[in-house]
Protein backbone atom coordinates (compact mmCIF):
# COMPACT_ATOMS: atom_id res chain seq x y z
CA MET A 1 -22.61 10.33 24.00
CA ARG A 2 -25.98 8.80 23.13
CA TYR A 3 -24.41 6.94 20.21
CA LEU A 4 -21.87 5.44 22.56
CA PHE A 5 -24.70 4.35 24.88
CA GLY A 6 -26.57 2.80 21.92
CA CYS A 7 -23.45 0.98 20.75
CA LEU A 8 -22.89 -0.39 24.26
CA CYS A 9 -26.49 -1.62 24.39
CA VAL A 10 -26.11 -3.45 21.07
CA CYS A 11 -22.82 -5.02 22.20
CA ALA A 12 -24.48 -6.14 25.46
CA LEU A 13 -27.30 -7.79 23.51
CA VAL A 14 -24.85 -9.61 21.27
CA VAL A 15 -22.79 -10.87 24.20
CA THR A 16 -25.77 -12.03 26.25
CA SER A 17 -27.68 -13.69 23.39
CA PRO A 18 -27.59 -17.51 23.23
CA LEU A 19 -25.10 -19.01 20.82
CA SER A 20 -27.41 -21.86 19.75
CA ALA A 21 -31.10 -22.64 19.51
CA SER A 22 -32.96 -25.90 20.02
CA ALA A 23 -36.52 -27.12 19.55
CA GLN A 24 -38.74 -28.14 22.45
CA ALA A 25 -39.51 -31.80 23.05
CA GLY A 26 -43.21 -31.46 22.13
CA ASP A 27 -42.44 -29.90 18.76
CA ALA A 28 -39.91 -32.59 17.81
CA ALA A 29 -42.54 -35.35 17.66
CA ALA A 30 -44.94 -33.25 15.63
CA ASN A 31 -42.32 -32.21 13.07
CA SER A 32 -40.59 -35.58 12.63
CA GLU A 33 -42.22 -36.15 9.22
CA PRO A 34 -40.61 -34.36 6.30
CA ASN A 35 -42.63 -31.53 4.83
CA LEU A 36 -43.28 -32.15 1.12
CA GLU A 37 -44.22 -28.55 0.38
CA GLU A 38 -40.83 -27.11 1.32
CA PRO A 39 -37.91 -28.13 -0.88
CA ALA A 40 -34.74 -29.41 0.70
CA PRO A 41 -31.99 -26.80 0.96
CA SER A 42 -29.53 -26.98 -1.89
CA ALA A 43 -25.79 -27.25 -1.36
CA GLU A 44 -25.17 -24.95 -4.34
CA PRO A 45 -25.01 -21.20 -3.69
CA ALA A 46 -27.94 -19.26 -5.09
CA LEU A 47 -27.21 -17.24 -8.23
CA GLU A 48 -27.64 -13.51 -7.93
CA GLU A 49 -29.26 -13.13 -11.34
CA PRO A 50 -30.88 -15.68 -13.63
CA ALA A 51 -29.04 -16.73 -16.76
CA LEU A 52 -31.91 -15.57 -18.98
CA GLN A 53 -34.33 -12.71 -18.46
CA LEU A 54 -37.74 -12.14 -20.00
CA LYS A 55 -38.32 -8.65 -21.36
CA LEU A 56 -41.58 -7.28 -22.70
CA ASP A 57 -41.42 -4.82 -25.58
CA ALA A 58 -43.81 -3.66 -28.31
CA ALA A 59 -43.20 -6.79 -30.40
CA GLY A 60 -43.89 -9.16 -27.49
CA VAL A 61 -41.92 -11.18 -24.99
CA ASP A 62 -38.24 -11.58 -25.72
CA VAL A 63 -35.69 -13.78 -23.98
CA THR A 64 -32.37 -12.01 -23.53
CA PRO A 65 -29.23 -13.22 -21.80
CA SER A 66 -28.19 -11.49 -18.60
CA PRO A 67 -25.25 -9.09 -18.84
CA GLN A 68 -21.93 -10.87 -18.60
CA PRO A 69 -20.23 -10.40 -15.23
CA THR A 70 -16.56 -9.60 -14.93
CA PRO A 71 -14.12 -11.97 -13.25
CA ASP A 72 -14.89 -9.98 -10.07
CA ARG A 73 -18.61 -10.86 -10.60
CA TYR A 74 -19.65 -7.29 -11.54
CA THR A 75 -21.58 -6.29 -14.63
CA LEU A 76 -20.59 -3.27 -16.68
CA LYS A 77 -23.26 -1.08 -15.04
CA GLU A 78 -22.16 -2.14 -11.58
CA MET A 79 -18.56 -1.33 -12.46
CA GLU A 80 -19.58 2.14 -13.68
CA LEU A 81 -21.49 2.69 -10.44
CA ARG A 82 -18.47 1.62 -8.39
CA VAL A 83 -16.25 4.08 -10.28
CA LYS A 84 -18.80 6.83 -9.70
CA ARG A 85 -18.93 6.08 -5.96
CA ALA A 86 -15.15 6.13 -5.71
CA ALA A 87 -15.10 9.53 -7.43
CA ILE A 88 -17.70 10.82 -4.97
CA GLY A 89 -15.59 9.53 -2.08
CA PHE A 90 -12.56 11.31 -3.51
CA GLY A 91 -14.52 14.56 -3.73
CA VAL A 92 -15.88 14.28 -0.19
CA SER A 93 -12.44 13.60 1.24
CA GLY A 94 -11.08 16.57 -0.73
CA ALA A 95 -13.82 18.72 0.79
CA SER A 96 -12.78 17.59 4.27
CA VAL A 97 -9.17 18.58 3.53
CA PHE A 98 -10.42 22.00 2.47
CA ALA A 99 -12.69 22.37 5.53
CA GLY A 100 -9.91 21.31 7.91
CA GLY A 101 -7.55 23.80 6.30
CA VAL A 102 -10.08 26.60 6.69
CA ILE A 103 -10.63 25.73 10.37
CA ALA A 104 -6.89 25.58 11.05
CA LEU A 105 -6.28 28.89 9.27
CA ALA A 106 -9.17 30.45 11.17
CA GLY A 107 -7.60 29.39 14.45
CA LEU A 108 -4.17 30.66 13.43
CA GLY A 109 -5.45 33.87 11.91
CA HIS A 110 -7.86 34.76 14.69
CA CYS A 111 -5.39 34.33 17.51
CA GLY A 112 -2.29 35.53 15.69
CA VAL A 113 -3.86 38.71 14.34
CA MET A 114 -6.77 39.54 16.63
CA GLY A 115 -5.32 38.93 20.05
CA PRO A 116 -3.29 36.76 22.37
CA TRP A 117 -2.91 33.02 21.93
CA THR A 118 -5.52 31.22 24.04
CA GLU A 119 -6.50 27.62 24.67
CA THR A 120 -9.51 28.05 22.34
CA CYS A 121 -7.23 29.04 19.48
CA ASN A 122 -5.02 26.05 20.22
CA ARG A 123 -8.01 23.66 20.10
CA LEU A 124 -9.36 25.23 16.93
CA THR A 125 -6.01 24.98 15.16
CA TRP A 126 -5.37 21.37 16.16
CA THR A 127 -8.93 20.37 15.25
CA GLY A 128 -8.47 21.81 11.78
CA ILE A 129 -5.13 20.05 11.37
CA GLY A 130 -6.70 16.75 12.47
CA ILE A 131 -9.62 17.05 10.05
CA ALA A 132 -7.32 18.04 7.19
CA SER A 133 -4.90 15.18 7.84
CA ALA A 134 -7.72 12.61 8.10
CA GLY A 135 -9.15 13.97 4.85
CA ALA A 136 -5.73 13.71 3.20
CA VAL A 137 -5.40 10.05 4.19
CA ALA A 138 -8.93 9.37 2.93
CA MET A 139 -8.14 11.25 -0.28
CA ILE A 140 -5.09 9.07 -0.92
CA ALA A 141 -7.08 5.88 -0.27
CA THR A 142 -10.06 6.86 -2.42
CA GLY A 143 -7.76 8.14 -5.16
CA ILE A 144 -6.08 4.75 -5.35
CA LEU A 145 -9.47 3.04 -5.28
CA TYR A 146 -10.78 5.31 -8.05
CA GLY A 147 -7.75 4.65 -10.22
CA VAL A 148 -7.94 0.88 -9.85
CA ARG A 149 -11.68 0.71 -10.51
CA ASN A 150 -11.47 3.08 -13.47
CA ARG A 151 -8.62 1.06 -15.01
CA LYS A 152 -10.66 -2.17 -14.66
CA LEU A 153 -13.65 -0.46 -16.28
CA ARG A 154 -11.58 0.84 -19.20
CA ARG A 155 -10.04 -2.60 -19.76
CA ARG A 156 -13.46 -4.23 -19.72
CA LYS A 157 -14.85 -1.73 -22.23
CA ARG A 158 -11.77 -2.16 -24.45
CA ARG A 159 -12.18 -5.97 -24.38
CA GLU A 160 -15.86 -5.68 -25.32
CA TRP A 161 -15.04 -3.25 -28.13
CA ASP A 162 -12.33 -5.56 -29.48
CA ARG A 163 -14.71 -8.51 -29.33
CA PHE A 164 -17.40 -6.49 -31.14
CA ARG A 165 -14.96 -5.25 -33.76
CA HIS A 166 -13.67 -8.76 -34.51
CA THR A 167 -17.13 -10.29 -34.76
CA HIS A 168 -18.46 -7.40 -36.88
CA SER A 169 -15.36 -6.80 -38.96
CA GLY A 170 -17.24 -5.68 -42.02
CA THR A 171 -16.61 -8.78 -44.11
CA PRO A 172 -18.89 -8.78 -47.12
CA ARG A 173 -21.79 -11.18 -46.87
CA ARG A 174 -23.82 -12.42 -49.74
CA VAL A 175 -27.40 -11.39 -50.27
CA GLN A 176 -29.96 -13.84 -48.88
CA TRP A 177 -33.72 -14.05 -49.01
CA ASP A 178 -35.27 -14.05 -45.53
CA LEU A 179 -38.40 -16.20 -45.60
CA SER A 180 -39.80 -14.96 -42.27
CA GLN A 181 -39.65 -11.28 -43.30
CA SER A 182 -40.10 -11.82 -47.05
CA ARG A 183 -37.27 -9.51 -48.05
CA LEU A 184 -33.63 -9.45 -49.04
CA VAL A 185 -31.12 -9.46 -46.21
CA PHE A 186 -27.64 -8.12 -46.80
């Protein structure tokens, strides 16, 4: 009940808030000159990650390219995390199916075996059936989501492996002298 009251308060604030904002007349004259310290807003959307990243290791500072995003704009790690979250959702919805089944069986078993059918048994049984059916719908949805995300992850890994295999196909290279390391490089 208190959550309903809180939700109604938030909705009331949203409805009663002004739809626009304007500056006062005194501030308009003071701020008519452009501010040179603040850059003008760009029309281009901001990138989520820079194209190059600086990494510090034992040898020093190294510039490495950012991980390549997928066509859906997810990196490989993000895709693995999304698959993991879908699997967790599938497990949680499976647990709700199990819990709803236990509640429904408790209602049926208690009233059918222990005594006469009462309104409490009826509520308990229908509550369990409702929880189990909602969990079943969620299990179907998260199962589909898990399958789609896992298939995209497997395809991405397969494409990267094929690209790696073709670029490093094991073609024999000739021996060269590396001047910077003063040794033979094969």
